[in-house]
């Protein structure tokens, strides 16, 4: 470490790098979380969302990905429910940071209009407890924390898988 000032292009080489994703957490009108099943990993259930594109804000990315993956053009308020930090790991060479926003409630009519892309095989709503046996433990912990964040109004901070 040096005490000298570094130009931004040099300084950037000394700090952690990261990619980021953003998603929307929805429930149905009974408060049951809505999730999508990954085509690549059948035991992975996730919220509509994905990696951010160059120049895109987390909010813009969450809305774009949701529209692409479900056909839902979300226009509600920007309410952050949680931030998710994943450290660098074997399958991903840099840190990965996620932003989970509240998508509100979907009516039965909105759910009936969901149109999936080839990234997901199905969508489902279930109670939080109902999801427990259908998800990996790390995914369920994330779901539980975000559900609690919505109920309490306190933003969740999550680390790890």
C-alpha atoms as a PDB file:
ATOM      1  CA  UNK A   1       0.000   0.000   0.000  1.00  0.00           C
ATOM      2  CA  UNK A   2       1.222   3.444  -0.817  1.00  0.00           C
ATOM      3  CA  UNK A   3       0.314   6.879   0.445  1.00  0.00           C
ATOM      4  CA  UNK A   4       0.502   8.423  -2.987  1.00  0.00           C
ATOM      5  CA  UNK A   5      -2.581   9.353  -4.963  1.00  0.00           C
ATOM      6  CA  UNK A   6      -3.337   7.012  -7.859  1.00  0.00           C
ATOM      7  CA  UNK A   7      -5.136   8.007 -11.030  1.00  0.00           C
ATOM      8  CA  UNK A   8      -8.531   6.256 -11.312  1.00  0.00           C
ATOM      9  CA  UNK A   9      -7.346   3.829 -14.019  1.00  0.00           C
ATOM     10  CA  UNK A  10      -4.538   2.627 -11.692  1.00  0.00           C
ATOM     11  CA  UNK A  11      -6.567   2.728  -8.489  1.00  0.00           C
ATOM     12  CA  UNK A  12      -9.319   0.565 -10.000  1.00  0.00           C
ATOM     13  CA  UNK A  13      -6.759  -2.222 -10.411  1.00  0.00           C
ATOM     14  CA  UNK A  14      -6.234  -2.319  -6.616  1.00  0.00           C
ATOM     15  CA  UNK A  15      -9.843  -2.793  -5.482  1.00  0.00           C
ATOM     16  CA  UNK A  16     -12.337  -5.661  -5.557  1.00  0.00           C
ATOM     17  CA  UNK A  17     -14.321  -6.175  -8.730  1.00  0.00           C
ATOM     18  CA  UNK A  18     -17.948  -7.193  -8.879  1.00  0.00           C
ATOM     19  CA  UNK A  19     -20.838  -7.919 -11.169  1.00  0.00           C
ATOM     20  CA  UNK A  20     -24.390  -7.153 -10.119  1.00  0.00           C
ATOM     21  CA  UNK A  21     -27.918  -8.361 -10.555  1.00  0.00           C
ATOM     22  CA  UNK A  22     -31.360  -7.041  -9.670  1.00  0.00           C
ATOM     23  CA  UNK A  23     -34.760  -8.676  -9.291  1.00  0.00           C
ATOM     24  CA  UNK A  24     -38.341  -8.136  -8.179  1.00  0.00           C
ATOM     25  CA  UNK A  25     -39.999 -10.015  -5.315  1.00  0.00           C
ATOM     26  CA  UNK A  26     -43.722 -10.527  -5.907  1.00  0.00           C
ATOM     27  CA  UNK A  27     -46.453 -12.254  -3.934  1.00  0.00           C
ATOM     28  CA  UNK A  28     -49.980 -13.128  -4.903  1.00  0.00           C
ATOM     29  CA  UNK A  29     -52.865 -11.366  -3.129  1.00  0.00           C
ATOM     30  CA  UNK A  30     -52.720 -14.000  -0.355  1.00  0.00           C
ATOM     31  CA  UNK A  31     -49.095 -13.043   0.390  1.00  0.00           C
ATOM     32  CA  UNK A  32     -47.548 -16.171  -1.135  1.00  0.00           C
ATOM     33  CA  UNK A  33     -44.175 -15.573  -2.848  1.00  0.00           C
ATOM     34  CA  UNK A  34     -44.042 -15.932  -6.641  1.00  0.00           C
ATOM     35  CA  UNK A  35     -40.980 -17.649  -8.110  1.00  0.00           C
ATOM     36  CA  UNK A  36     -39.659 -19.043 -11.374  1.00  0.00           C
ATOM     37  CA  UNK A  37     -38.020 -22.467 -11.801  1.00  0.00           C
ATOM     38  CA  UNK A  38     -34.656 -22.405 -13.561  1.00  0.00           C
ATOM     39  CA  UNK A  39     -34.429 -24.464 -16.729  1.00  0.00           C
ATOM     40  CA  UNK A  40     -30.757 -25.235 -16.034  1.00  0.00           C
ATOM     41  CA  UNK A  41     -31.118 -26.286 -12.398  1.00  0.00           C
ATOM     42  CA  UNK A  42     -34.552 -27.717 -11.531  1.00  0.00           C
ATOM     43  CA  UNK A  43     -34.051 -27.217  -7.772  1.00  0.00           C
ATOM     44  CA  UNK A  44     -33.342 -23.514  -8.253  1.00  0.00           C
ATOM     45  CA  UNK A  45     -36.317 -21.222  -7.796  1.00  0.00           C
ATOM     46  CA  UNK A  46     -35.725 -17.523  -8.305  1.00  0.00           C
ATOM     47  CA  UNK A  47     -37.384 -14.169  -8.685  1.00  0.00           C
ATOM     48  CA  UNK A  48     -37.707 -12.399 -12.018  1.00  0.00           C
ATOM     49  CA  UNK A  49     -34.385 -10.653 -12.562  1.00  0.00           C
ATOM     50  CA  UNK A  50     -30.852 -11.003 -13.793  1.00  0.00           C
ATOM     51  CA  UNK A  51     -27.487  -9.402 -14.392  1.00  0.00           C
ATOM     52  CA  UNK A  52     -27.280  -5.705 -15.128  1.00  0.00           C
ATOM     53  CA  UNK A  53     -26.254  -4.471 -18.550  1.00  0.00           C
ATOM     54  CA  UNK A  54     -23.657  -1.727 -19.080  1.00  0.00           C
ATOM     55  CA  UNK A  55     -24.966   1.652 -17.952  1.00  0.00           C
ATOM     56  CA  UNK A  56     -28.097   0.194 -16.369  1.00  0.00           C
ATOM     57  CA  UNK A  57     -29.173   0.955 -12.799  1.00  0.00           C
ATOM     58  CA  UNK A  58     -30.345  -1.872 -10.525  1.00  0.00           C
ATOM     59  CA  UNK A  59     -33.922  -0.586 -10.786  1.00  0.00           C
ATOM     60  CA  UNK A  60     -33.788  -0.475 -14.581  1.00  0.00           C
ATOM     61  CA  UNK A  61     -32.269  -3.954 -14.696  1.00  0.00           C
ATOM     62  CA  UNK A  62     -34.908  -5.447 -12.396  1.00  0.00           C
ATOM     63  CA  UNK A  63     -37.729  -3.993 -14.487  1.00  0.00           C
ATOM     64  CA  UNK A  64     -36.145  -5.015 -17.816  1.00  0.00           C
ATOM     65  CA  UNK A  65     -35.407  -8.569 -16.688  1.00  0.00           C
ATOM     66  CA  UNK A  66     -38.893  -8.972 -15.196  1.00  0.00           C
ATOM     67  CA  UNK A  67     -40.511  -7.861 -18.444  1.00  0.00           C
ATOM     68  CA  UNK A  68     -38.278 -10.181 -20.489  1.00  0.00           C
ATOM     69  CA  UNK A  69     -38.803 -13.216 -18.245  1.00  0.00           C
ATOM     70  CA  UNK A  70     -42.504 -12.900 -17.377  1.00  0.00           C
ATOM     71  CA  UNK A  71     -44.135 -10.233 -19.534  1.00  0.00           C
ATOM     72  CA  UNK A  72     -44.852  -8.199 -16.363  1.00  0.00           C
ATOM     73  CA  UNK A  73     -44.152  -4.493 -16.992  1.00  0.00           C
ATOM     74  CA  UNK A  74     -43.763  -3.414 -13.370  1.00  0.00           C
ATOM     75  CA  UNK A  75     -44.370   0.292 -12.738  1.00  0.00           C
ATOM     76  CA  UNK A  76     -44.719   0.363  -8.954  1.00  0.00           C
ATOM     77  CA  UNK A  77     -42.614   2.275  -6.425  1.00  0.00           C
ATOM     78  CA  UNK A  78     -38.857   1.707  -6.030  1.00  0.00           C
ATOM     79  CA  UNK A  79     -38.743  -0.091  -2.698  1.00  0.00           C
ATOM     80  CA  UNK A  80     -35.556  -1.964  -1.848  1.00  0.00           C
ATOM     81  CA  UNK A  81     -36.097  -5.113   0.226  1.00  0.00           C
ATOM     82  CA  UNK A  82     -32.555  -6.436   0.339  1.00  0.00           C
ATOM     83  CA  UNK A  83     -28.955  -6.438  -0.797  1.00  0.00           C
ATOM     84  CA  UNK A  84     -27.218  -9.748  -1.445  1.00  0.00           C
ATOM     85  CA  UNK A  85     -23.415 -10.098  -1.490  1.00  0.00           C
ATOM     86  CA  UNK A  86     -21.817 -13.214  -2.944  1.00  0.00           C
ATOM     87  CA  UNK A  87     -18.036 -13.435  -2.626  1.00  0.00           C
ATOM     88  CA  UNK A  88     -15.861 -14.544  -5.495  1.00  0.00           C
ATOM     89  CA  UNK A  89     -16.075 -18.313  -5.956  1.00  0.00           C
ATOM     90  CA  UNK A  90     -15.009 -21.102  -8.271  1.00  0.00           C
ATOM     91  CA  UNK A  91     -17.929 -20.733 -10.685  1.00  0.00           C
ATOM     92  CA  UNK A  92     -17.844 -16.907 -10.692  1.00  0.00           C
ATOM     93  CA  UNK A  93     -14.467 -15.110 -10.731  1.00  0.00           C
ATOM     94  CA  UNK A  94     -15.553 -11.838  -9.075  1.00  0.00           C
ATOM     95  CA  UNK A  95     -17.875 -10.735  -6.276  1.00  0.00           C
ATOM     96  CA  UNK A  96     -21.563 -10.619  -7.221  1.00  0.00           C
ATOM     97  CA  UNK A  97     -23.930  -8.080  -5.654  1.00  0.00           C
ATOM     98  CA  UNK A  98     -27.715  -8.287  -5.878  1.00  0.00           C
ATOM     99  CA  UNK A  99     -30.524  -5.800  -5.302  1.00  0.00           C
ATOM    100  CA  UNK A 100     -33.948  -7.215  -4.479  1.00  0.00           C
ATOM    101  CA  UNK A 101     -36.883  -4.834  -4.952  1.00  0.00           C
ATOM    102  CA  UNK A 102     -40.508  -5.169  -3.859  1.00  0.00           C
ATOM    103  CA  UNK A 103     -42.739  -5.932  -6.818  1.00  0.00           C
ATOM    104  CA  UNK A 104     -45.912  -5.846  -4.745  1.00  0.00           C
ATOM    105  CA  UNK A 105     -48.858  -8.181  -5.224  1.00  0.00           C
ATOM    106  CA  UNK A 106     -49.935  -9.915  -8.401  1.00  0.00           C
ATOM    107  CA  UNK A 107     -53.645 -10.506  -8.926  1.00  0.00           C
ATOM    108  CA  UNK A 108     -54.997 -13.756 -10.335  1.00  0.00           C
ATOM    109  CA  UNK A 109     -55.491 -11.975 -13.670  1.00  0.00           C
ATOM    110  CA  UNK A 110     -51.838 -10.822 -13.720  1.00  0.00           C
ATOM    111  CA  UNK A 111     -50.634 -14.304 -12.794  1.00  0.00           C
ATOM    112  CA  UNK A 112     -52.684 -15.821 -15.601  1.00  0.00           C
ATOM    113  CA  UNK A 113     -50.903 -13.491 -18.063  1.00  0.00           C
ATOM    114  CA  UNK A 114     -47.367 -14.523 -17.043  1.00  0.00           C
ATOM    115  CA  UNK A 115     -45.415 -15.647 -20.108  1.00  0.00           C
ATOM    116  CA  UNK A 116     -42.118 -17.420 -19.463  1.00  0.00           C
ATOM    117  CA  UNK A 117     -39.069 -17.428 -21.714  1.00  0.00           C
ATOM    118  CA  UNK A 118     -36.859 -20.449 -22.251  1.00  0.00           C
ATOM    119  CA  UNK A 119     -34.853 -19.543 -19.094  1.00  0.00           C
ATOM    120  CA  UNK A 120     -37.574 -20.957 -16.832  1.00  0.00           C
ATOM    121  CA  UNK A 121     -39.802 -24.003 -16.987  1.00  0.00           C
ATOM    122  CA  UNK A 122     -42.636 -22.874 -14.705  1.00  0.00           C
ATOM    123  CA  UNK A 123     -43.804 -20.327 -12.178  1.00  0.00           C
ATOM    124  CA  UNK A 124     -45.414 -21.040  -8.854  1.00  0.00           C
ATOM    125  CA  UNK A 125     -46.769 -19.371  -5.711  1.00  0.00           C
ATOM    126  CA  UNK A 126     -46.575 -21.045  -2.315  1.00  0.00           C
ATOM    127  CA  UNK A 127     -46.456 -19.989   1.312  1.00  0.00           C
ATOM    128  CA  UNK A 128     -42.985 -19.250   2.647  1.00  0.00           C
ATOM    129  CA  UNK A 129     -43.101 -22.522   4.597  1.00  0.00           C
ATOM    130  CA  UNK A 130     -44.389 -24.301   1.514  1.00  0.00           C
ATOM    131  CA  UNK A 131     -41.223 -23.265  -0.324  1.00  0.00           C
ATOM    132  CA  UNK A 132     -38.912 -24.761   2.321  1.00  0.00           C
ATOM    133  CA  UNK A 133     -38.929 -28.316   0.960  1.00  0.00           C
ATOM    134  CA  UNK A 134     -38.761 -27.211  -2.677  1.00  0.00           C
ATOM    135  CA  UNK A 135     -35.618 -25.076  -2.490  1.00  0.00           C
ATOM    136  CA  UNK A 136     -31.967 -25.398  -1.610  1.00  0.00           C
ATOM    137  CA  UNK A 137     -31.310 -24.218   1.961  1.00  0.00           C
ATOM    138  CA  UNK A 138     -29.425 -21.093   0.820  1.00  0.00           C
ATOM    139  CA  UNK A 139     -32.209 -20.128  -1.586  1.00  0.00           C
ATOM    140  CA  UNK A 140     -34.839 -20.675   1.082  1.00  0.00           C
ATOM    141  CA  UNK A 141     -32.873 -18.548   3.588  1.00  0.00           C
ATOM    142  CA  UNK A 142     -32.826 -15.723   1.026  1.00  0.00           C
ATOM    143  CA  UNK A 143     -36.577 -16.095   0.417  1.00  0.00           C
ATOM    144  CA  UNK A 144     -37.305 -16.093   4.148  1.00  0.00           C
ATOM    145  CA  UNK A 145     -35.134 -13.010   4.769  1.00  0.00           C
ATOM    146  CA  UNK A 146     -36.722 -11.048   1.917  1.00  0.00           C
ATOM    147  CA  UNK A 147     -40.223 -12.041   3.012  1.00  0.00           C
ATOM    148  CA  UNK A 148     -39.377 -10.817   6.525  1.00  0.00           C
ATOM    149  CA  UNK A 149     -37.926  -7.588   5.119  1.00  0.00           C
ATOM    150  CA  UNK A 150     -41.161  -6.869   3.298  1.00  0.00           C
ATOM    151  CA  UNK A 151     -43.223  -7.587   6.439  1.00  0.00           C
ATOM    152  CA  UNK A 152     -41.060  -5.470   8.769  1.00  0.00           C
ATOM    153  CA  UNK A 153     -39.953  -2.671   6.470  1.00  0.00           C
ATOM    154  CA  UNK A 154     -36.285  -3.299   7.396  1.00  0.00           C
ATOM    155  CA  UNK A 155     -33.923  -3.851   4.450  1.00  0.00           C
ATOM    156  CA  UNK A 156     -32.233  -7.260   4.562  1.00  0.00           C
ATOM    157  CA  UNK A 157     -28.489  -7.628   4.059  1.00  0.00           C
ATOM    158  CA  UNK A 158     -27.471 -11.126   2.960  1.00  0.00           C
ATOM    159  CA  UNK A 159     -24.042 -12.669   2.445  1.00  0.00           C
ATOM    160  CA  UNK A 160     -23.169 -15.928   0.786  1.00  0.00           C
ATOM    161  CA  UNK A 161     -24.801 -18.342  -1.613  1.00  0.00           C
END
